[in-house]
Protein backbone atom coordinates (compact mmCIF):
# COMPACT_ATOMS: atom_id res chain seq x y z
CA UNK A 1 0.46 0.21 -0.48
CA UNK A 2 1.05 3.25 -0.62
CA UNK A 3 1.87 6.74 1.45
CA UNK A 4 -0.75 9.20 1.25
CA UNK A 5 1.06 12.82 1.25
CA UNK A 6 -1.14 15.49 2.36
CA UNK A 7 0.53 18.76 0.40
CA UNK A 8 -0.85 22.10 0.92
CA UNK A 9 0.03 25.13 -1.76
CA UNK A 10 1.50 28.62 -1.20
CA UNK A 11 -1.72 29.90 -1.80
CA UNK A 12 -2.88 28.40 1.43
CA UNK A 13 -4.20 29.97 5.22
CA UNK A 14 -5.25 27.50 6.80
CA UNK A 15 -6.78 28.49 10.95
CA UNK A 16 -7.26 25.85 13.41
CA UNK A 17 -5.19 22.29 14.21
CA UNK A 18 -3.41 19.52 11.43
CA UNK A 19 -3.92 15.93 12.56
CA UNK A 20 -2.52 13.58 9.00
CA UNK A 21 -1.31 10.20 10.57
CA UNK A 22 0.61 9.70 7.01
CA UNK A 23 3.42 13.02 5.43
CA UNK A 24 2.10 16.46 5.10
CA UNK A 25 4.00 18.99 2.58
CA UNK A 26 3.63 22.62 3.23
CA UNK A 27 5.00 25.73 1.64
CA UNK A 28 1.44 27.77 2.67
CA UNK A 29 0.55 29.52 5.78
CA UNK A 30 -0.13 27.03 8.87
CA UNK A 31 -1.64 29.34 12.20
CA UNK A 32 -2.48 26.23 14.38
CA UNK A 33 -0.65 23.44 15.46
CA UNK A 34 0.46 19.43 13.01
CA UNK A 35 0.67 16.75 14.13
CA UNK A 36 1.67 14.28 10.97
CA UNK A 37 4.29 11.08 10.80
CA UNK A 38 6.11 13.12 8.58
CA UNK A 39 6.01 16.15 8.06
CA UNK A 40 8.29 18.87 4.97
CA UNK A 41 7.90 22.46 4.64
CA UNK A 42 9.46 24.88 1.90
CA UNK A 43 10.14 27.76 1.84
CA UNK A 44 7.80 29.94 1.78
CA UNK A 45 5.54 28.94 4.40
CA UNK A 46 4.69 30.45 7.34
CA UNK A 47 3.69 28.13 10.36
CA UNK A 48 2.81 29.33 13.89
CA UNK A 49 2.50 26.56 16.48
CA UNK A 50 4.43 23.14 17.16
CA UNK A 51 5.18 20.44 15.09
CA UNK A 52 5.32 16.63 16.83
CA UNK A 53 6.26 14.57 13.72
CA UNK A 54 8.68 11.72 13.70
CA UNK A 55 10.50 13.19 11.03
CA UNK A 56 10.32 16.72 10.11
CA UNK A 57 12.54 18.16 6.86
CA UNK A 58 11.95 22.52 7.55
CA UNK A 59 13.11 24.83 4.57
CA UNK A 60 9.85 27.96 6.17
CA UNK A 61 9.59 30.41 9.13
CA UNK A 62 8.68 28.39 11.81
CA UNK A 63 7.39 30.37 15.41
CA UNK A 64 6.86 27.21 17.69
CA UNK A 65 8.35 23.68 19.42
CA UNK A 66 8.79 20.51 16.88
CA UNK A 67 9.21 16.91 19.35
CA UNK A 68 10.56 14.88 16.87
CA UNK A 69 12.98 12.33 16.40
CA UNK A 70 14.97 13.16 13.38
CA UNK A 71 15.18 17.06 12.44
CA UNK A 72 16.45 18.89 9.40
CA UNK A 73 17.11 22.44 8.57
CA UNK A 74 17.01 23.32 4.98
CA UNK A 75 19.53 26.94 4.27
CA UNK A 76 16.15 27.96 3.66
CA UNK A 77 14.39 28.23 6.94
CA UNK A 78 13.84 30.55 9.88
CA UNK A 79 13.21 29.00 13.12
CA UNK A 80 12.13 30.71 15.95
CA UNK A 81 11.96 28.42 19.01
CA UNK A 82 12.37 24.73 21.27
CA UNK A 83 13.09 21.26 19.10
CA UNK A 84 12.79 18.19 21.21
CA UNK A 85 14.80 15.39 19.02
CA UNK A 86 17.22 12.52 18.55
CA UNK A 87 19.41 13.79 15.54
CA UNK A 88 19.27 17.14 14.43
CA UNK A 89 20.64 18.43 10.78
CA UNK A 90 21.60 22.27 9.83
CA UNK A 91 22.04 23.46 6.49
CA UNK A 92 24.88 26.83 6.05
CA UNK A 93 22.27 29.73 5.86
CA UNK A 94 19.59 28.56 8.12
CA UNK A 95 17.52 31.69 10.55
CA UNK A 96 18.02 30.42 14.13
CA UNK A 97 16.93 31.46 17.39
CA UNK A 98 16.24 27.96 19.06
CA UNK A 99 16.70 25.90 22.08
CA UNK A 100 17.60 22.52 21.60
CA UNK A 101 17.33 19.16 23.75
CA UNK A 102 18.31 15.88 22.92
CA UNK A 103 15.58 13.28 24.18
């Protein structure tokens, strides 16, 4: 059975929490918490809220906390919050105002 992926493009704005059992890819504006197995954000995304996921890849703006096994912060990311993770990778050029905690 193939994995399901929910895609939210840059013209989408959501106010409220998102719960996705599998994968979420977003380039949109979200004001609320995100819970998904895997979360990928892209350069135009603007998220105000917390992310709970087993695997997170950030490319956009996030003001909130992350609780994840694996966090990857891309060079286009702007992150302000607390990261609670087992594995963390950060590309050169990312803007960070974070506190990282390893669990």
